[in-house]
């Protein structure tokens, strides 16, 4: 999914991706869209990546199948985009696609793609707090100090 255009990503591609990729430097899984600026900025500050929302993980950071998804609601793409844009400096606009479950359209997964940024570092919360991604442990906070 790293190089697949969003308009070509469907539910089956998400499941196949989850079978192959553990959480790590370029992949994040969450059950709900939370900590959006933190996750998005960490990808932009490192090497870019894919965040799949609606996925639980086990103790090895592998997705638990079948996917759990989360309740479909209007405006999820806008929520993720706006939260990212307003919560990061310089602002980041990720690519977002919400995909309904084929068997239950009331449940969805969201795929959020973030490119590595040439404007990094991106701080969050109107501060000098910057997050970067590290191996399987996820996010590492770094504080920028004035020169």
N, C-alpha and C. Protein backbone atom coordinates (compact mmCIF):
# COMPACT_ATOMS: atom_id res chain seq x y z
N UNK A 1 0.81 -1.20 0.00
CA UNK A 1 0.00 0.00 0.00
C UNK A 1 0.85 1.26 0.00
N UNK A 2 2.14 1.11 0.28
CA UNK A 2 3.00 2.29 0.32
C UNK A 2 2.97 3.05 -1.01
N UNK A 3 3.03 2.32 -2.12
CA UNK A 3 3.09 2.95 -3.43
C UNK A 3 1.80 2.85 -4.22
N UNK A 4 0.77 2.27 -3.64
CA UNK A 4 -0.51 2.13 -4.32
C UNK A 4 -1.32 3.42 -4.16
N UNK A 5 -1.81 3.99 -5.25
CA UNK A 5 -2.67 5.17 -5.12
C UNK A 5 -3.90 4.85 -4.28
N UNK A 6 -4.33 5.83 -3.49
CA UNK A 6 -5.49 5.63 -2.60
C UNK A 6 -6.72 5.14 -3.34
N UNK A 7 -6.95 5.64 -4.56
CA UNK A 7 -8.16 5.23 -5.28
C UNK A 7 -8.13 3.76 -5.70
N UNK A 8 -6.97 3.11 -5.60
CA UNK A 8 -6.86 1.68 -5.92
C UNK A 8 -6.87 0.78 -4.69
N UNK A 9 -6.93 1.37 -3.52
CA UNK A 9 -6.93 0.59 -2.28
C UNK A 9 -8.37 0.24 -1.92
N UNK A 10 -8.61 -1.07 -1.73
CA UNK A 10 -9.93 -1.54 -1.31
C UNK A 10 -9.77 -2.38 -0.05
N UNK A 11 -10.88 -2.90 0.45
CA UNK A 11 -10.86 -3.66 1.70
C UNK A 11 -9.92 -4.86 1.62
N UNK A 12 -9.95 -5.59 0.52
CA UNK A 12 -9.08 -6.77 0.38
C UNK A 12 -7.61 -6.40 0.42
N UNK A 13 -7.24 -5.26 -0.16
CA UNK A 13 -5.84 -4.82 -0.12
C UNK A 13 -5.43 -4.44 1.30
N UNK A 14 -6.35 -3.87 2.05
CA UNK A 14 -6.07 -3.54 3.45
C UNK A 14 -5.82 -4.82 4.24
N UNK A 15 -6.67 -5.82 4.07
CA UNK A 15 -6.49 -7.09 4.79
C UNK A 15 -5.17 -7.75 4.41
N UNK A 16 -4.83 -7.76 3.13
CA UNK A 16 -3.57 -8.35 2.67
C UNK A 16 -2.38 -7.61 3.28
N UNK A 17 -2.45 -6.28 3.35
CA UNK A 17 -1.40 -5.47 3.95
C UNK A 17 -1.24 -5.83 5.42
N UNK A 18 -2.36 -5.95 6.12
CA UNK A 18 -2.33 -6.27 7.55
C UNK A 18 -1.74 -7.65 7.82
N UNK A 19 -1.93 -8.58 6.92
CA UNK A 19 -1.34 -9.92 7.09
C UNK A 19 0.17 -9.89 6.97
N UNK A 20 0.69 -8.93 6.24
CA UNK A 20 2.12 -8.89 5.93
C UNK A 20 2.94 -7.95 6.80
N UNK A 21 2.36 -6.81 7.20
CA UNK A 21 3.14 -5.76 7.84
C UNK A 21 2.84 -5.60 9.32
N UNK A 22 3.86 -5.74 10.19
CA UNK A 22 3.68 -5.41 11.61
C UNK A 22 3.79 -3.89 11.79
N UNK A 23 3.37 -3.41 12.95
CA UNK A 23 3.58 -2.00 13.28
C UNK A 23 5.07 -1.74 13.35
N UNK A 24 5.48 -0.56 12.93
CA UNK A 24 6.89 -0.21 12.98
C UNK A 24 7.12 1.20 12.48
N UNK A 25 8.30 1.44 11.97
CA UNK A 25 8.69 2.78 11.54
C UNK A 25 7.75 3.33 10.48
N UNK A 26 7.29 2.51 9.56
CA UNK A 26 6.47 2.99 8.44
C UNK A 26 5.01 2.57 8.51
N UNK A 27 4.61 1.88 9.60
CA UNK A 27 3.23 1.37 9.71
C UNK A 27 2.71 1.60 11.13
N UNK A 28 1.47 2.06 11.21
CA UNK A 28 0.78 2.25 12.50
C UNK A 28 -0.62 1.69 12.38
N UNK A 29 -1.09 1.03 13.44
CA UNK A 29 -2.46 0.54 13.51
C UNK A 29 -3.11 1.10 14.77
N UNK A 30 -4.35 1.52 14.67
CA UNK A 30 -5.13 1.97 15.82
C UNK A 30 -6.58 1.55 15.62
N UNK A 31 -7.28 1.35 16.75
CA UNK A 31 -8.69 0.98 16.68
C UNK A 31 -9.57 2.17 16.30
N UNK A 32 -9.22 3.36 16.74
CA UNK A 32 -10.01 4.57 16.50
C UNK A 32 -9.07 5.69 16.06
N UNK A 33 -9.60 6.70 15.38
CA UNK A 33 -8.75 7.84 15.03
C UNK A 33 -8.47 8.70 16.27
N UNK A 34 -7.29 8.55 16.85
CA UNK A 34 -6.90 9.29 18.05
C UNK A 34 -5.46 9.76 17.88
N UNK A 35 -5.10 10.82 18.60
CA UNK A 35 -3.75 11.37 18.55
C UNK A 35 -3.32 11.66 17.11
N UNK A 36 -4.22 12.20 16.33
CA UNK A 36 -3.99 12.39 14.90
C UNK A 36 -2.74 13.22 14.61
N UNK A 37 -2.57 14.42 15.19
CA UNK A 37 -1.37 15.20 14.87
C UNK A 37 -0.07 14.46 15.24
N UNK A 38 -0.10 13.76 16.35
CA UNK A 38 1.08 13.03 16.82
C UNK A 38 1.48 11.94 15.83
N UNK A 39 0.52 11.12 15.40
CA UNK A 39 0.82 10.02 14.48
C UNK A 39 1.24 10.56 13.11
N UNK A 40 0.47 11.51 12.58
CA UNK A 40 0.76 12.05 11.25
C UNK A 40 2.12 12.74 11.24
N UNK A 41 2.41 13.56 12.24
CA UNK A 41 3.70 14.26 12.26
C UNK A 41 4.86 13.30 12.42
N UNK A 42 4.66 12.21 13.17
CA UNK A 42 5.76 11.25 13.34
C UNK A 42 6.15 10.60 12.02
N UNK A 43 5.16 10.32 11.17
CA UNK A 43 5.47 9.79 9.84
C UNK A 43 6.19 10.84 9.00
N UNK A 44 5.67 12.07 8.99
CA UNK A 44 6.27 13.14 8.18
C UNK A 44 7.70 13.44 8.64
N UNK A 45 7.95 13.33 9.95
CA UNK A 45 9.27 13.61 10.50
C UNK A 45 10.26 12.47 10.30
N UNK A 46 9.80 11.32 9.89
CA UNK A 46 10.68 10.17 9.73
C UNK A 46 10.77 9.84 8.25
N UNK A 47 10.14 8.77 7.81
CA UNK A 47 10.28 8.38 6.40
C UNK A 47 8.94 8.18 5.72
N UNK A 48 7.89 8.78 6.28
CA UNK A 48 6.55 8.59 5.73
C UNK A 48 5.99 7.25 6.14
N UNK A 49 4.73 7.01 5.83
CA UNK A 49 4.16 5.72 6.17
C UNK A 49 2.67 5.64 5.98
N UNK A 50 2.13 4.51 6.46
CA UNK A 50 0.71 4.19 6.33
C UNK A 50 0.13 3.93 7.71
N UNK A 51 -0.97 4.60 8.01
CA UNK A 51 -1.68 4.42 9.27
C UNK A 51 -3.03 3.81 8.91
N UNK A 52 -3.31 2.62 9.46
CA UNK A 52 -4.59 1.97 9.21
C UNK A 52 -5.39 2.02 10.52
N UNK A 53 -6.54 2.68 10.44
CA UNK A 53 -7.39 2.86 11.61
C UNK A 53 -8.56 1.89 11.51
N UNK A 54 -8.81 1.20 12.64
CA UNK A 54 -9.84 0.17 12.68
C UNK A 54 -9.21 -1.20 12.82
N UNK A 55 -8.00 -1.22 13.41
CA UNK A 55 -7.23 -2.46 13.52
C UNK A 55 -6.66 -2.58 14.93
N UNK A 56 -6.89 -3.72 15.57
CA UNK A 56 -6.26 -4.04 16.85
C UNK A 56 -4.96 -4.79 16.57
N UNK A 57 -4.00 -4.71 17.51
CA UNK A 57 -2.75 -5.46 17.36
C UNK A 57 -2.51 -6.37 18.56
N UNK A 58 -1.69 -7.40 18.32
CA UNK A 58 -1.33 -8.32 19.40
C UNK A 58 -0.03 -7.86 20.06
N UNK A 59 0.52 -8.67 20.95
CA UNK A 59 1.74 -8.29 21.68
C UNK A 59 3.00 -8.30 20.80
N UNK A 60 2.88 -8.75 19.55
CA UNK A 60 4.01 -8.71 18.60
C UNK A 60 3.83 -7.58 17.60
N UNK A 61 2.86 -6.71 17.87
CA UNK A 61 2.54 -5.57 16.99
C UNK A 61 2.01 -6.00 15.63
N UNK A 62 1.46 -7.21 15.55
CA UNK A 62 0.83 -7.68 14.33
C UNK A 62 -0.68 -7.44 14.43
N UNK A 63 -1.32 -7.08 13.33
CA UNK A 63 -2.77 -6.88 13.35
C UNK A 63 -3.50 -8.17 13.71
N UNK A 64 -4.59 -8.00 14.45
CA UNK A 64 -5.45 -9.13 14.80
C UNK A 64 -6.53 -9.22 13.73
N UNK A 65 -6.60 -10.41 13.10
CA UNK A 65 -7.60 -10.65 12.06
C UNK A 65 -8.70 -11.55 12.62
N UNK A 66 -9.94 -11.39 12.20
CA UNK A 66 -10.42 -10.42 11.24
C UNK A 66 -10.35 -9.01 11.82
N UNK A 67 -10.31 -8.02 10.94
CA UNK A 67 -10.23 -6.63 11.36
C UNK A 67 -11.47 -6.25 12.17
N UNK A 68 -11.26 -5.39 13.16
CA UNK A 68 -12.38 -4.97 14.02
C UNK A 68 -13.15 -3.81 13.41
N UNK A 69 -12.47 -2.92 12.70
CA UNK A 69 -13.11 -1.74 12.15
C UNK A 69 -13.60 -0.82 13.26
N UNK A 70 -14.27 0.24 12.88
CA UNK A 70 -14.92 1.13 13.84
C UNK A 70 -16.18 1.67 13.20
N UNK A 71 -17.04 2.24 14.03
CA UNK A 71 -18.35 2.67 13.55
C UNK A 71 -18.22 3.78 12.50
N UNK A 72 -18.91 3.58 11.39
CA UNK A 72 -18.92 4.58 10.32
C UNK A 72 -19.66 5.83 10.81
N UNK A 73 -19.10 6.97 10.48
CA UNK A 73 -19.76 8.23 10.81
C UNK A 73 -19.37 9.26 9.75
N UNK A 74 -20.23 10.20 9.49
CA UNK A 74 -19.94 11.20 8.45
C UNK A 74 -18.73 12.06 8.84
N UNK A 75 -17.95 12.43 7.85
CA UNK A 75 -16.89 13.41 8.05
C UNK A 75 -15.58 12.90 8.61
N UNK A 76 -15.34 11.59 8.60
CA UNK A 76 -14.10 11.07 9.18
C UNK A 76 -12.89 11.58 8.40
N UNK A 77 -12.96 11.58 7.07
CA UNK A 77 -11.82 12.07 6.28
C UNK A 77 -11.50 13.51 6.66
N UNK A 78 -12.53 14.34 6.77
CA UNK A 78 -12.34 15.74 7.12
C UNK A 78 -11.79 15.89 8.53
N UNK A 79 -12.27 15.06 9.46
CA UNK A 79 -11.78 15.12 10.84
C UNK A 79 -10.28 14.84 10.88
N UNK A 80 -9.85 13.81 10.18
CA UNK A 80 -8.44 13.44 10.19
C UNK A 80 -7.62 14.54 9.51
N UNK A 81 -8.08 15.02 8.37
CA UNK A 81 -7.35 16.05 7.64
C UNK A 81 -7.26 17.35 8.44
N UNK A 82 -8.39 17.81 8.98
CA UNK A 82 -8.40 19.06 9.74
C UNK A 82 -7.59 18.96 11.03
N UNK A 83 -7.71 17.85 11.74
CA UNK A 83 -6.94 17.67 12.98
C UNK A 83 -5.45 17.68 12.68
N UNK A 84 -5.06 17.04 11.61
CA UNK A 84 -3.66 17.02 11.21
C UNK A 84 -3.20 18.43 10.84
N UNK A 85 -3.97 19.10 10.00
CA UNK A 85 -3.60 20.43 9.51
C UNK A 85 -3.51 21.44 10.66
N UNK A 86 -4.52 21.42 11.54
CA UNK A 86 -4.56 22.40 12.63
C UNK A 86 -3.63 22.05 13.79
N UNK A 87 -3.29 20.77 13.93
CA UNK A 87 -2.50 20.33 15.09
C UNK A 87 -1.01 20.18 14.83
N UNK A 88 -0.55 20.51 13.63
CA UNK A 88 0.88 20.38 13.32
C UNK A 88 1.41 21.69 12.76
N UNK A 89 2.70 21.95 13.04
CA UNK A 89 3.35 23.12 12.47
C UNK A 89 4.75 22.76 12.04
N UNK A 90 5.10 23.01 10.78
CA UNK A 90 4.22 23.45 9.72
C UNK A 90 3.12 22.43 9.47
N UNK A 91 1.98 22.88 8.92
CA UNK A 91 0.83 21.99 8.75
C UNK A 91 1.11 20.83 7.79
N UNK A 92 0.48 19.71 8.06
CA UNK A 92 0.58 18.51 7.23
C UNK A 92 -0.83 18.15 6.77
N UNK A 93 -0.96 17.81 5.49
CA UNK A 93 -2.23 17.33 4.97
C UNK A 93 -2.02 15.90 4.46
N UNK A 94 -2.49 14.91 5.23
CA UNK A 94 -2.33 13.53 4.79
C UNK A 94 -3.37 13.16 3.73
N UNK A 95 -3.15 12.04 3.06
CA UNK A 95 -4.15 11.47 2.15
C UNK A 95 -4.96 10.46 2.95
N UNK A 96 -6.28 10.53 2.84
CA UNK A 96 -7.16 9.70 3.67
C UNK A 96 -8.21 9.02 2.80
N UNK A 97 -8.43 7.73 3.07
CA UNK A 97 -9.53 7.00 2.42
C UNK A 97 -10.23 6.15 3.47
N UNK A 98 -11.55 6.28 3.53
CA UNK A 98 -12.37 5.47 4.44
C UNK A 98 -13.02 4.39 3.60
N UNK A 99 -12.88 3.13 4.07
CA UNK A 99 -13.36 1.98 3.31
C UNK A 99 -14.36 1.19 4.15
N UNK A 100 -15.60 1.05 3.68
CA UNK A 100 -16.59 0.26 4.43
C UNK A 100 -16.27 -1.23 4.36
N UNK A 101 -16.67 -1.94 5.40
CA UNK A 101 -16.55 -3.40 5.40
C UNK A 101 -17.53 -3.93 4.36
N UNK A 102 -17.11 -4.85 3.50
CA UNK A 102 -18.04 -5.41 2.51
C UNK A 102 -19.23 -6.12 3.15
N UNK A 103 -18.99 -6.75 4.31
CA UNK A 103 -20.05 -7.52 4.96
C UNK A 103 -20.91 -6.69 5.91
N UNK A 104 -20.44 -5.48 6.26
CA UNK A 104 -21.17 -4.64 7.21
C UNK A 104 -20.79 -3.17 6.99
N UNK A 105 -21.51 -2.47 6.13
CA UNK A 105 -21.17 -1.07 5.81
C UNK A 105 -21.26 -0.10 7.00
N UNK A 106 -21.77 -0.56 8.14
CA UNK A 106 -21.80 0.31 9.31
C UNK A 106 -20.42 0.37 9.98
N UNK A 107 -19.51 -0.50 9.54
CA UNK A 107 -18.13 -0.51 10.05
C UNK A 107 -17.18 -0.14 8.92
N UNK A 108 -16.09 0.57 9.29
CA UNK A 108 -15.12 1.02 8.30
C UNK A 108 -13.70 0.84 8.82
N UNK A 109 -12.77 0.89 7.88
CA UNK A 109 -11.35 1.09 8.19
C UNK A 109 -10.94 2.35 7.43
N UNK A 110 -9.96 3.06 7.97
CA UNK A 110 -9.44 4.24 7.28
C UNK A 110 -7.96 4.02 7.01
N UNK A 111 -7.55 4.41 5.82
CA UNK A 111 -6.14 4.35 5.43
C UNK A 111 -5.66 5.79 5.33
N UNK A 112 -4.62 6.10 6.09
CA UNK A 112 -4.04 7.43 6.09
C UNK A 112 -2.60 7.30 5.60
N UNK A 113 -2.30 7.97 4.50
CA UNK A 113 -0.95 7.93 3.94
C UNK A 113 -0.28 9.29 4.16
N UNK A 114 0.95 9.22 4.66
CA UNK A 114 1.71 10.43 4.95
C UNK A 114 3.07 10.29 4.28
N UNK A 115 3.44 11.31 3.53
CA UNK A 115 4.75 11.32 2.89
C UNK A 115 5.81 11.88 3.84
N UNK A 116 7.04 11.46 3.66
CA UNK A 116 8.14 12.09 4.38
C UNK A 116 8.17 13.56 3.98
N UNK A 117 8.35 14.43 4.94
CA UNK A 117 8.25 15.86 4.67
C UNK A 117 9.61 16.53 4.48
N UNK A 118 9.67 17.38 3.47
CA UNK A 118 10.88 18.19 3.29
C UNK A 118 10.85 19.40 4.22
N UNK A 119 9.71 19.62 4.88
CA UNK A 119 9.57 20.73 5.83
C UNK A 119 9.80 20.30 7.28
N UNK A 120 10.18 19.04 7.49
CA UNK A 120 10.38 18.53 8.86
C UNK A 120 11.49 19.34 9.53
N UNK A 121 11.41 19.47 10.84
CA UNK A 121 10.50 18.79 11.75
C UNK A 121 9.17 19.51 11.89
N UNK A 122 8.14 18.70 12.14
CA UNK A 122 6.79 19.20 12.38
C UNK A 122 6.50 19.05 13.87
N UNK A 123 6.19 20.15 14.53
CA UNK A 123 5.86 20.13 15.95
C UNK A 123 4.35 19.96 16.10
N UNK A 124 3.92 19.57 17.29
CA UNK A 124 2.49 19.45 17.58
C UNK A 124 2.14 20.32 18.78
N UNK A 125 0.85 20.54 18.96
CA UNK A 125 0.29 21.22 20.14
C UNK A 125 0.88 22.62 20.35
N UNK A 126 1.15 23.35 19.27
CA UNK A 126 1.72 24.71 19.39
C UNK A 126 2.93 24.75 20.31
N UNK A 127 3.78 23.73 20.19
CA UNK A 127 4.96 23.67 21.05
C UNK A 127 6.17 23.25 20.23
N UNK A 128 7.20 22.93 20.95
CA UNK A 128 8.41 22.42 20.29
C UNK A 128 8.50 20.91 20.41
N UNK A 129 7.37 20.27 20.76
CA UNK A 129 7.36 18.81 20.88
C UNK A 129 7.23 18.19 19.49
N UNK A 130 8.20 17.35 19.15
CA UNK A 130 8.26 16.70 17.84
C UNK A 130 8.31 15.20 18.07
N UNK A 131 7.60 14.43 17.25
CA UNK A 131 7.64 12.98 17.35
C UNK A 131 8.28 12.38 16.12
N UNK A 132 9.09 11.35 16.33
CA UNK A 132 9.67 10.57 15.25
C UNK A 132 9.33 9.11 15.50
N UNK A 133 9.40 8.29 14.46
CA UNK A 133 9.07 6.88 14.58
C UNK A 133 10.34 6.07 14.77
N UNK A 134 10.26 5.07 15.64
CA UNK A 134 11.40 4.19 15.91
C UNK A 134 10.93 2.75 15.94
N UNK A 135 11.54 1.92 15.15
CA UNK A 135 11.30 0.48 15.11
C UNK A 135 9.91 0.08 15.57
N UNK A 136 9.80 -0.99 16.37
CA UNK A 136 8.50 -1.51 16.77
C UNK A 136 7.96 -0.82 18.02
N UNK A 137 8.75 0.06 18.63
CA UNK A 137 8.26 0.72 19.83
C UNK A 137 7.35 1.88 19.51
N UNK A 138 7.28 2.27 18.25
CA UNK A 138 6.32 3.31 17.87
C UNK A 138 6.91 4.69 17.83
N UNK A 139 6.44 5.57 18.71
CA UNK A 139 6.79 6.98 18.65
C UNK A 139 7.78 7.36 19.73
N UNK A 140 8.67 8.28 19.38
CA UNK A 140 9.66 8.79 20.33
C UNK A 140 9.52 10.31 20.34
N UNK A 141 9.21 10.92 21.51
CA UNK A 141 9.12 12.37 21.54
C UNK A 141 10.51 13.00 21.58
N UNK A 142 10.65 14.11 20.88
CA UNK A 142 11.90 14.87 20.86
C UNK A 142 11.50 16.33 21.05
N UNK A 143 12.20 17.06 21.89
CA UNK A 143 11.90 18.47 22.06
C UNK A 143 12.96 19.29 21.38
N UNK A 144 12.53 20.25 20.60
CA UNK A 144 13.45 21.15 19.93
C UNK A 144 13.79 22.27 20.89
N UNK A 145 15.07 22.59 20.98
CA UNK A 145 15.48 23.68 21.84
C UNK A 145 15.91 24.84 20.99
N UNK A 146 15.62 26.06 21.43
CA UNK A 146 16.02 27.23 20.64
C UNK A 146 17.54 27.29 20.50
N UNK A 147 18.01 27.77 19.36
CA UNK A 147 19.46 27.86 19.12
C UNK A 147 20.07 28.99 19.89
